PDB file of all heavy atoms in Angstrom:
ATOM      1  N   THR A   1       0.844  -1.215   0.051  1.00  0.00           N
ATOM      2  CA  THR A   1       0.036  -0.013  -0.008  1.00  0.00           C
ATOM      3  C   THR A   1       0.866   1.293   0.008  1.00  0.00           C
ATOM      4  O   THR A   1       2.029   1.175   0.348  1.00  0.00           O
ATOM      5  CB  THR A   1      -0.855   0.013   1.299  1.00  0.00           C
ATOM      6  OG1 THR A   1      -0.042  -0.034   2.404  1.00  0.00           O
ATOM      7  CG2 THR A   1      -1.820  -1.184   1.200  1.00  0.00           C
ATOM      8  N   VAL A   2       0.327   2.396  -0.350  1.00  0.00           N
ATOM      9  CA  VAL A   2       1.002   3.693  -0.465  1.00  0.00           C
ATOM     10  C   VAL A   2       0.228   4.701   0.327  1.00  0.00           C
ATOM     11  O   VAL A   2      -1.144   4.846   0.096  1.00  0.00           O
ATOM     12  CB  VAL A   2       1.275   4.166  -1.844  1.00  0.00           C
ATOM     13  CG1 VAL A   2       1.819   5.421  -1.933  1.00  0.00           C
ATOM     14  CG2 VAL A   2       2.096   3.045  -2.736  1.00  0.00           C
ATOM     15  N   ASP A   3       0.869   5.304   1.291  1.00  0.00           N
ATOM     16  CA  ASP A   3       0.179   6.332   2.081  1.00  0.00           C
ATOM     17  C   ASP A   3       0.827   7.703   1.587  1.00  0.00           C
ATOM     18  O   ASP A   3       1.563   7.809   0.617  1.00  0.00           O
ATOM     19  CB  ASP A   3       0.277   6.176   3.511  1.00  0.00           C
ATOM     20  CG  ASP A   3       1.714   5.867   4.005  1.00  0.00           C
ATOM     21  OD1 ASP A   3       2.616   6.638   3.439  1.00  0.00           O
ATOM     22  OD2 ASP A   3       2.007   5.209   4.890  1.00  0.00           O
ATOM     23  N   ASP A   4       0.495   8.799   2.313  1.00  0.00           N
ATOM     24  CA  ASP A   4       0.923  10.104   1.861  1.00  0.00           C
ATOM     25  C   ASP A   4       2.417  10.346   2.385  1.00  0.00           C
ATOM     26  O   ASP A   4       2.874  11.427   2.174  1.00  0.00           O
ATOM     27  CB  ASP A   4      -0.076  11.108   2.255  1.00  0.00           C
ATOM     28  CG  ASP A   4      -0.201  11.280   3.748  1.00  0.00           C
ATOM     29  OD1 ASP A   4       0.346  10.467   4.532  1.00  0.00           O
ATOM     30  OD2 ASP A   4      -1.001  12.157   4.213  1.00  0.00           O
ATOM     31  N   THR A   5       2.957   9.573   3.261  1.00  0.00           N
ATOM     32  CA  THR A   5       4.202   9.740   3.851  1.00  0.00           C
ATOM     33  C   THR A   5       5.370  10.150   2.863  1.00  0.00           C
ATOM     34  O   THR A   5       6.050  11.087   2.986  1.00  0.00           O
ATOM     35  CB  THR A   5       4.688   8.587   4.769  1.00  0.00           C
ATOM     36  OG1 THR A   5       3.673   8.371   5.653  1.00  0.00           O
ATOM     37  CG2 THR A   5       5.847   9.078   5.609  1.00  0.00           C
ATOM     38  N   LEU A   6       5.462   9.311   1.746  1.00  0.00           N
ATOM     39  CA  LEU A   6       6.527   9.458   0.706  1.00  0.00           C
ATOM     40  C   LEU A   6       6.228  10.775   0.108  1.00  0.00           C
ATOM     41  O   LEU A   6       7.001  11.458  -0.237  1.00  0.00           O
ATOM     42  CB  LEU A   6       6.366   8.335  -0.168  1.00  0.00           C
ATOM     43  CG  LEU A   6       7.592   8.289  -1.148  1.00  0.00           C
ATOM     44  CD1 LEU A   6       8.928   8.301  -0.445  1.00  0.00           C
ATOM     45  CD2 LEU A   6       7.508   7.137  -2.104  1.00  0.00           C
ATOM     46  N   GLN A   7       4.913  11.189  -0.129  1.00  0.00           N
ATOM     47  CA  GLN A   7       4.641  12.556  -0.798  1.00  0.00           C
ATOM     48  C   GLN A   7       5.257  13.543   0.079  1.00  0.00           C
ATOM     49  O   GLN A   7       5.637  14.551  -0.454  1.00  0.00           O
ATOM     50  CB  GLN A   7       3.112  12.532  -1.011  1.00  0.00           C
ATOM     51  CG  GLN A   7       2.745  13.733  -1.810  1.00  0.00           C
ATOM     52  CD  GLN A   7       1.237  13.743  -2.214  1.00  0.00           C
ATOM     53  OE1 GLN A   7       0.472  13.236  -1.371  1.00  0.00           O
ATOM     54  NE2 GLN A   7       0.914  14.273  -3.288  1.00  0.00           N
ATOM     55  N   LEU A   8       4.993  13.549   1.441  1.00  0.00           N
ATOM     56  CA  LEU A   8       5.577  14.459   2.335  1.00  0.00           C
ATOM     57  C   LEU A   8       7.025  14.582   2.250  1.00  0.00           C
ATOM     58  O   LEU A   8       7.637  15.621   2.444  1.00  0.00           O
ATOM     59  CB  LEU A   8       5.071  14.078   3.762  1.00  0.00           C
ATOM     60  CG  LEU A   8       3.548  14.345   4.128  1.00  0.00           C
ATOM     61  CD1 LEU A   8       3.230  13.781   5.433  1.00  0.00           C
ATOM     62  CD2 LEU A   8       3.136  15.756   3.885  1.00  0.00           C
ATOM     63  N   TYR A   9       7.651  13.366   2.112  1.00  0.00           N
ATOM     64  CA  TYR A   9       9.110  13.374   1.937  1.00  0.00           C
ATOM     65  C   TYR A   9       9.555  14.197   0.750  1.00  0.00           C
ATOM     66  O   TYR A   9      10.455  14.939   0.760  1.00  0.00           O
ATOM     67  CB  TYR A   9       9.647  12.021   1.805  1.00  0.00           C
ATOM     68  CG  TYR A   9      10.058  11.421   2.967  1.00  0.00           C
ATOM     69  CD1 TYR A   9       9.173  11.059   4.063  1.00  0.00           C
ATOM     70  CD2 TYR A   9      11.430  10.973   3.350  1.00  0.00           C
ATOM     71  CE1 TYR A   9       9.566  10.497   5.250  1.00  0.00           C
ATOM     72  CE2 TYR A   9      11.777  10.270   4.512  1.00  0.00           C
ATOM     73  CZ  TYR A   9      10.846  10.147   5.399  1.00  0.00           C
ATOM     74  OH  TYR A   9      11.164   9.456   6.604  1.00  0.00           O
ATOM     75  N   PHE A  10       8.815  14.170  -0.356  1.00  0.00           N
ATOM     76  CA  PHE A  10       9.127  14.932  -1.601  1.00  0.00           C
ATOM     77  C   PHE A  10       9.011  16.392  -1.239  1.00  0.00           C
ATOM     78  O   PHE A  10       9.744  17.174  -1.760  1.00  0.00           O
ATOM     79  CB  PHE A  10       8.096  14.417  -2.691  1.00  0.00           C
ATOM     80  CG  PHE A  10       8.673  13.430  -3.516  1.00  0.00           C
ATOM     81  CD1 PHE A  10       8.450  12.051  -3.241  1.00  0.00           C
ATOM     82  CD2 PHE A  10       9.567  13.623  -4.652  1.00  0.00           C
ATOM     83  CE1 PHE A  10       8.886  11.076  -4.052  1.00  0.00           C
ATOM     84  CE2 PHE A  10      10.096  12.655  -5.311  1.00  0.00           C
ATOM     85  CZ  PHE A  10       9.878  11.331  -5.165  1.00  0.00           C
ATOM     86  N   LEU A  11       8.048  16.839  -0.544  1.00  0.00           N
ATOM     87  CA  LEU A  11       7.855  18.213  -0.116  1.00  0.00           C
ATOM     88  C   LEU A  11       8.957  18.719   0.723  1.00  0.00           C
ATOM     89  O   LEU A  11       9.530  19.691   0.556  1.00  0.00           O
ATOM     90  CB  LEU A  11       6.460  18.450   0.540  1.00  0.00           C
ATOM     91  CG  LEU A  11       6.177  19.948   0.864  1.00  0.00           C
ATOM     92  CD1 LEU A  11       6.155  20.828  -0.316  1.00  0.00           C
ATOM     93  CD2 LEU A  11       4.875  19.932   1.705  1.00  0.00           C
ATOM     94  N   CYS A  12       9.177  17.864   1.812  1.00  0.00           N
ATOM     95  CA  CYS A  12      10.324  18.303   2.754  1.00  0.00           C
ATOM     96  C   CYS A  12      11.657  18.170   2.217  1.00  0.00           C
ATOM     97  O   CYS A  12      12.567  18.869   2.633  1.00  0.00           O
ATOM     98  CB  CYS A  12      10.183  17.308   3.965  1.00  0.00           C
ATOM     99  SG  CYS A  12       8.840  17.433   4.979  1.00  0.00           S
ATOM    100  N   ALA A  13      11.853  17.391   1.052  1.00  0.00           N
ATOM    101  CA  ALA A  13      13.205  17.261   0.495  1.00  0.00           C
ATOM    102  C   ALA A  13      13.365  18.246  -0.763  1.00  0.00           C
ATOM    103  O   ALA A  13      13.915  17.917  -1.617  1.00  0.00           O
ATOM    104  CB  ALA A  13      13.334  15.849  -0.022  1.00  0.00           C
ATOM    105  N   HIS A  14      12.641  19.375  -0.666  1.00  0.00           N
ATOM    106  CA  HIS A  14      12.706  20.246  -1.983  1.00  0.00           C
ATOM    107  C   HIS A  14      14.122  20.716  -2.104  1.00  0.00           C
ATOM    108  O   HIS A  14      14.961  20.909  -1.236  1.00  0.00           O
ATOM    109  CB  HIS A  14      11.777  21.500  -1.595  1.00  0.00           C
ATOM    110  CG  HIS A  14      11.510  22.225  -2.876  1.00  0.00           C
ATOM    111  ND1 HIS A  14      12.460  23.263  -3.311  1.00  0.00           N
ATOM    112  CD2 HIS A  14      10.650  22.186  -3.722  1.00  0.00           C
ATOM    113  CE1 HIS A  14      11.908  23.693  -4.420  1.00  0.00           C
ATOM    114  NE2 HIS A  14      10.890  23.152  -4.813  1.00  0.00           N
ATOM    115  N   PRO A  15      14.464  20.764  -3.338  1.00  0.00           N
ATOM    116  CA  PRO A  15      15.927  21.046  -3.636  1.00  0.00           C
ATOM    117  C   PRO A  15      16.378  22.539  -3.125  1.00  0.00           C
ATOM    118  O   PRO A  15      17.595  22.815  -3.112  1.00  0.00           O
ATOM    119  CB  PRO A  15      15.895  21.170  -5.191  1.00  0.00           C
ATOM    120  CG  PRO A  15      14.860  20.172  -5.577  1.00  0.00           C
ATOM    121  CD  PRO A  15      13.824  20.400  -4.571  1.00  0.00           C
ATOM    122  N   SER A  16      15.414  23.420  -2.703  1.00  0.00           N
ATOM    123  CA  SER A  16      15.839  24.646  -2.249  1.00  0.00           C
ATOM    124  C   SER A  16      16.271  24.561  -0.865  1.00  0.00           C
ATOM    125  O   SER A  16      16.997  25.464  -0.361  1.00  0.00           O
ATOM    126  CB  SER A  16      14.578  25.621  -2.286  1.00  0.00           C
ATOM    127  OG  SER A  16      13.566  25.088  -1.425  1.00  0.00           O
ATOM    128  N   LEU A  17      16.210  23.418  -0.245  1.00  0.00           N
ATOM    129  CA  LEU A  17      16.748  23.156   1.200  1.00  0.00           C
ATOM    130  C   LEU A  17      18.091  22.360   0.995  1.00  0.00           C
ATOM    131  O   LEU A  17      18.326  21.618   0.075  1.00  0.00           O
ATOM    132  CB  LEU A  17      15.755  22.374   1.993  1.00  0.00           C
ATOM    133  CG  LEU A  17      14.408  22.852   2.239  1.00  0.00           C
ATOM    134  CD1 LEU A  17      13.472  21.839   2.880  1.00  0.00           C
ATOM    135  CD2 LEU A  17      14.381  24.134   3.108  1.00  0.00           C
ATOM    136  N   THR A  18      19.014  22.742   1.957  1.00  0.00           N
ATOM    137  CA  THR A  18      20.221  21.946   2.168  1.00  0.00           C
ATOM    138  C   THR A  18      19.889  20.665   2.588  1.00  0.00           C
ATOM    139  O   THR A  18      18.794  20.365   3.288  1.00  0.00           O
ATOM    140  CB  THR A  18      21.092  22.600   3.062  1.00  0.00           C
ATOM    141  OG1 THR A  18      20.571  22.609   4.406  1.00  0.00           O
ATOM    142  CG2 THR A  18      21.472  24.097   2.723  1.00  0.00           C
ATOM    143  N   PRO A  19      20.654  19.624   2.360  1.00  0.00           N
ATOM    144  CA  PRO A  19      20.428  18.222   2.836  1.00  0.00           C
ATOM    145  C   PRO A  19      20.191  18.254   4.347  1.00  0.00           C
ATOM    146  O   PRO A  19      19.209  17.524   4.847  1.00  0.00           O
ATOM    147  CB  PRO A  19      21.652  17.510   2.484  1.00  0.00           C
ATOM    148  CG  PRO A  19      22.056  18.137   1.219  1.00  0.00           C
ATOM    149  CD  PRO A  19      21.824  19.595   1.466  1.00  0.00           C
ATOM    150  N   SER A  20      20.888  18.918   5.108  1.00  0.00           N
ATOM    151  CA  SER A  20      20.792  19.010   6.592  1.00  0.00           C
ATOM    152  C   SER A  20      19.515  19.593   7.057  1.00  0.00           C
ATOM    153  O   SER A  20      18.740  19.034   7.956  1.00  0.00           O
ATOM    154  CB  SER A  20      21.963  19.698   7.288  1.00  0.00           C
ATOM    155  OG  SER A  20      22.009  20.963   6.969  1.00  0.00           O
ATOM    156  N   SER A  21      19.105  20.581   6.457  1.00  0.00           N
ATOM    157  CA  SER A  21      17.746  21.251   6.692  1.00  0.00           C
ATOM    158  C   SER A  21      16.597  20.326   6.342  1.00  0.00           C
ATOM    159  O   SER A  21      15.704  20.125   6.937  1.00  0.00           O
ATOM    160  CB  SER A  21      17.583  22.525   5.962  1.00  0.00           C
ATOM    161  OG  SER A  21      18.502  23.535   6.581  1.00  0.00           O
ATOM    162  N   ALA A  22      16.720  19.693   5.117  1.00  0.00           N
ATOM    163  CA  ALA A  22      15.655  18.739   4.619  1.00  0.00           C
ATOM    164  C   ALA A  22      15.523  17.640   5.553  1.00  0.00           C
ATOM    165  O   ALA A  22      14.377  17.178   5.902  1.00  0.00           O
ATOM    166  CB  ALA A  22      16.230  18.121   3.147  1.00  0.00           C
ATOM    167  N   VAL A  23      16.515  17.007   6.093  1.00  0.00           N
ATOM    168  CA  VAL A  23      16.393  15.833   6.849  1.00  0.00           C
ATOM    169  C   VAL A  23      15.932  16.320   8.334  1.00  0.00           C
ATOM    170  O   VAL A  23      15.156  15.611   8.798  1.00  0.00           O
ATOM    171  CB  VAL A  23      17.689  14.950   6.986  1.00  0.00           C
ATOM    172  CG1 VAL A  23      18.701  15.722   7.985  1.00  0.00           C
ATOM    173  CG2 VAL A  23      17.371  13.614   7.631  1.00  0.00           C
ATOM    174  N   ALA A  24      16.257  17.455   8.678  1.00  0.00           N
ATOM    175  CA  ALA A  24      15.743  17.988  10.107  1.00  0.00           C
ATOM    176  C   ALA A  24      14.305  18.185   9.942  1.00  0.00           C
ATOM    177  O   ALA A  24      13.410  17.899  10.718  1.00  0.00           O
ATOM    178  CB  ALA A  24      16.421  19.185  10.447  1.00  0.00           C
ATOM    179  N   LEU A  25      13.886  18.827   8.796  1.00  0.00           N
ATOM    180  CA  LEU A  25      12.431  19.124   8.601  1.00  0.00           C
ATOM    181  C   LEU A  25      11.681  17.905   8.521  1.00  0.00           C
ATOM    182  O   LEU A  25      10.547  17.726   9.019  1.00  0.00           O
ATOM    183  CB  LEU A  25      12.296  20.018   7.388  1.00  0.00           C
ATOM    184  CG  LEU A  25      10.792  20.388   6.908  1.00  0.00           C
ATOM    185  CD1 LEU A  25      10.164  21.205   8.000  1.00  0.00           C
ATOM    186  CD2 LEU A  25      10.790  21.122   5.699  1.00  0.00           C
ATOM    187  N   THR A  26      12.187  16.786   7.792  1.00  0.00           N
ATOM    188  CA  THR A  26      11.463  15.575   7.612  1.00  0.00           C
ATOM    189  C   THR A  26      11.321  14.864   8.973  1.00  0.00           C
ATOM    190  O   THR A  26      10.322  14.246   9.270  1.00  0.00           O
ATOM    191  CB  THR A  26      12.285  14.636   6.655  1.00  0.00           C
ATOM    192  OG1 THR A  26      12.469  15.327   5.423  1.00  0.00           O
ATOM    193  CG2 THR A  26      11.481  13.409   6.276  1.00  0.00           C
ATOM    194  N   LEU A  27      12.372  14.835   9.712  1.00  0.00           N
ATOM    195  CA  LEU A  27      12.363  14.209  11.081  1.00  0.00           C
ATOM    196  C   LEU A  27      11.254  14.842  11.826  1.00  0.00           C
ATOM    197  O   LEU A  27      10.571  14.202  12.724  1.00  0.00           O
ATOM    198  CB  LEU A  27      13.668  14.245  11.770  1.00  0.00           C
ATOM    199  CG  LEU A  27      14.703  13.323  11.098  1.00  0.00           C
ATOM    200  CD1 LEU A  27      16.127  13.617  11.749  1.00  0.00           C
ATOM    201  CD2 LEU A  27      14.381  11.901  11.445  1.00  0.00           C
ATOM    202  N   ARG A  28      11.229  16.193  11.807  1.00  0.00           N
ATOM    203  CA  ARG A  28      10.253  16.935  12.640  1.00  0.00           C
ATOM    204  C   ARG A  28       8.732  16.739  12.143  1.00  0.00           C
ATOM    205  O   ARG A  28       7.779  16.574  12.774  1.00  0.00           O
ATOM    206  CB  ARG A  28      10.637  18.409  12.730  1.00  0.00           C
ATOM    207  CG  ARG A  28       9.700  19.277  13.569  1.00  0.00           C
ATOM    208  CD  ARG A  28       9.904  18.929  15.013  1.00  0.00           C
ATOM    209  NE  ARG A  28       9.033  19.545  15.903  1.00  0.00           N
ATOM    210  CZ  ARG A  28       7.750  19.051  16.320  1.00  0.00           C
ATOM    211  NH1 ARG A  28       7.432  17.914  15.823  1.00  0.00           N
ATOM    212  NH2 ARG A  28       7.004  19.664  17.171  1.00  0.00           N
ATOM    213  N   ALA A  29       8.606  17.031  10.867  1.00  0.00           N
ATOM    214  CA  ALA A  29       7.210  17.189  10.323  1.00  0.00           C
ATOM    215  C   ALA A  29       6.649  15.778   9.945  1.00  0.00           C
ATOM    216  O   ALA A  29       5.380  15.580  10.035  1.00  0.00           O
ATOM    217  CB  ALA A  29       7.285  18.020   8.992  1.00  0.00           C
ATOM    218  N   VAL A  30       7.466  14.756   9.599  1.00  0.00           N
ATOM    219  CA  VAL A  30       6.939  13.454   9.154  1.00  0.00           C
ATOM    220  C   VAL A  30       7.345  12.424  10.104  1.00  0.00           C
ATOM    221  O   VAL A  30       6.544  11.522  10.343  1.00  0.00           O
ATOM    222  CB  VAL A  30       7.565  13.088   7.773  1.00  0.00           C
ATOM    223  CG1 VAL A  30       6.801  11.872   7.197  1.00  0.00           C
ATOM    224  CG2 VAL A  30       7.356  14.250   6.681  1.00  0.00           C
ATOM    225  N   GLY A  31       8.602  12.403  10.668  1.00  0.00           N
ATOM    226  CA  GLY A  31       9.060  11.423  11.644  1.00  0.00           C
ATOM    227  C   GLY A  31       8.414  11.490  13.003  1.00  0.00           C
ATOM    228  O   GLY A  31       8.435  10.523  13.728  1.00  0.00           O
ATOM    229  N   GLY A  32       8.086  12.644  13.408  1.00  0.00           N
ATOM    230  CA  GLY A  32       7.329  12.796  14.709  1.00  0.00           C
ATOM    231  C   GLY A  32       8.370  13.094  15.806  1.00  0.00           C
ATOM    232  O   GLY A  32       7.952  13.053  17.003  1.00  0.00           O
ATOM    233  N   LEU A  33       9.581  13.306  15.505  1.00  0.00           N
ATOM    234  CA  LEU A  33      10.534  13.604  16.645  1.00  0.00           C
ATOM    235  C   LEU A  33      10.430  15.101  17.080  1.00  0.00           C
ATOM    236  O   LEU A  33      10.040  16.047  16.298  1.00  0.00           O
ATOM    237  CB  LEU A  33      12.004  13.437  16.043  1.00  0.00           C
ATOM    238  CG  LEU A  33      12.583  12.000  16.099  1.00  0.00           C
ATOM    239  CD1 LEU A  33      11.941  11.097  15.057  1.00  0.00           C
ATOM    240  CD2 LEU A  33      14.188  12.095  15.835  1.00  0.00           C
ATOM    241  N   THR A  34      10.695  15.256  18.285  1.00  0.00           N
ATOM    242  CA  THR A  34      10.660  16.670  18.835  1.00  0.00           C
ATOM    243  C   THR A  34      11.850  17.451  18.390  1.00  0.00           C
ATOM    244  O   THR A  34      12.905  16.845  18.066  1.00  0.00           O
ATOM    245  CB  THR A  34      10.518  16.622  20.275  1.00  0.00           C
ATOM    246  OG1 THR A  34      11.851  16.109  20.934  1.00  0.00           O
ATOM    247  CG2 THR A  34       9.396  15.760  20.843  1.00  0.00           C
ATOM    248  N   THR A  35      11.864  18.741  18.508  1.00  0.00           N
ATOM    249  CA  THR A  35      13.047  19.540  18.201  1.00  0.00           C
ATOM    250  C   THR A  35      14.094  19.219  19.103  1.00  0.00           C
ATOM    251  O   THR A  35      15.233  19.121  18.665  1.00  0.00           O
ATOM    252  CB  THR A  35      12.546  20.990  18.276  1.00  0.00           C
ATOM    253  OG1 THR A  35      11.518  21.285  17.488  1.00  0.00           O
ATOM    254  CG2 THR A  35      13.781  21.959  17.896  1.00  0.00           C
ATOM    255  N   ARG A  36      13.811  18.864  20.333  1.00  0.00           N
ATOM    256  CA  ARG A  36      14.821  18.589  21.308  1.00  0.00           C
ATOM    257  C   ARG A  36      15.594  17.338  20.766  1.00  0.00           C
ATOM    258  O   ARG A  36      16.833  17.153  20.849  1.00  0.00           O
ATOM    259  CB  ARG A  36      14.262  18.327  22.655  1.00  0.00           C
ATOM    260  CG  ARG A  36      15.242  18.119  23.797  1.00  0.00           C
ATOM    261  CD  ARG A  36      14.709  17.913  25.125  1.00  0.00           C
ATOM    262  NE  ARG A  36      13.817  19.090  25.514  1.00  0.00           N
ATOM    263  CZ  ARG A  36      13.053  19.086  26.630  1.00  0.00           C
ATOM    264  NH1 ARG A  36      13.139  18.064  27.344  1.00  0.00           N
ATOM    265  NH2 ARG A  36      12.431  20.195  26.813  1.00  0.00           N
ATOM    266  N   GLN A  37      14.864  16.292  20.404  1.00  0.00           N
ATOM    267  CA  GLN A  37      15.456  15.028  19.928  1.00  0.00           C
ATOM    268  C   GLN A  37      16.308  15.210  18.773  1.00  0.00           C
ATOM    269  O   GLN A  37      17.522  14.716  18.661  1.00  0.00           O
ATOM    270  CB  GLN A  37      14.333  14.014  19.675  1.00  0.00           C
ATOM    271  CG  GLN A  37      13.652  13.454  20.949  1.00  0.00           C
ATOM    272  CD  GLN A  37      12.531  12.567  20.430  1.00  0.00           C
ATOM    273  OE1 GLN A  37      11.560  12.996  19.634  1.00  0.00           O
ATOM    274  NE2 GLN A  37      12.377  11.351  21.069  1.00  0.00           N
ATOM    275  N   ILE A  38      15.914  16.080  17.751  1.00  0.00           N
ATOM    276  CA  ILE A  38      16.567  16.357  16.500  1.00  0.00           C
ATOM    277  C   ILE A  38      17.865  17.072  16.958  1.00  0.00           C
ATOM    278  O   ILE A  38      18.900  16.896  16.370  1.00  0.00           O
ATOM    279  CB  ILE A  38      15.795  17.025  15.496  1.00  0.00           C
ATOM    280  CG1 ILE A  38      14.521  16.242  15.194  1.00  0.00           C
ATOM    281  CG2 ILE A  38      16.526  17.314  14.256  1.00  0.00           C
ATOM    282  CD1 ILE A  38      13.575  17.077  14.450  1.00  0.00           C
TER     283      ILE A  38
END
């Protein structure tokens, strides 16, 4: 099955972001980690 999580990864991984910012945003917005954990 396919849910919307991968689609969110595509948004969070936009080329205008640096890789470190993209992974931090993904962990926060999609992965559910707190800012403190990241």
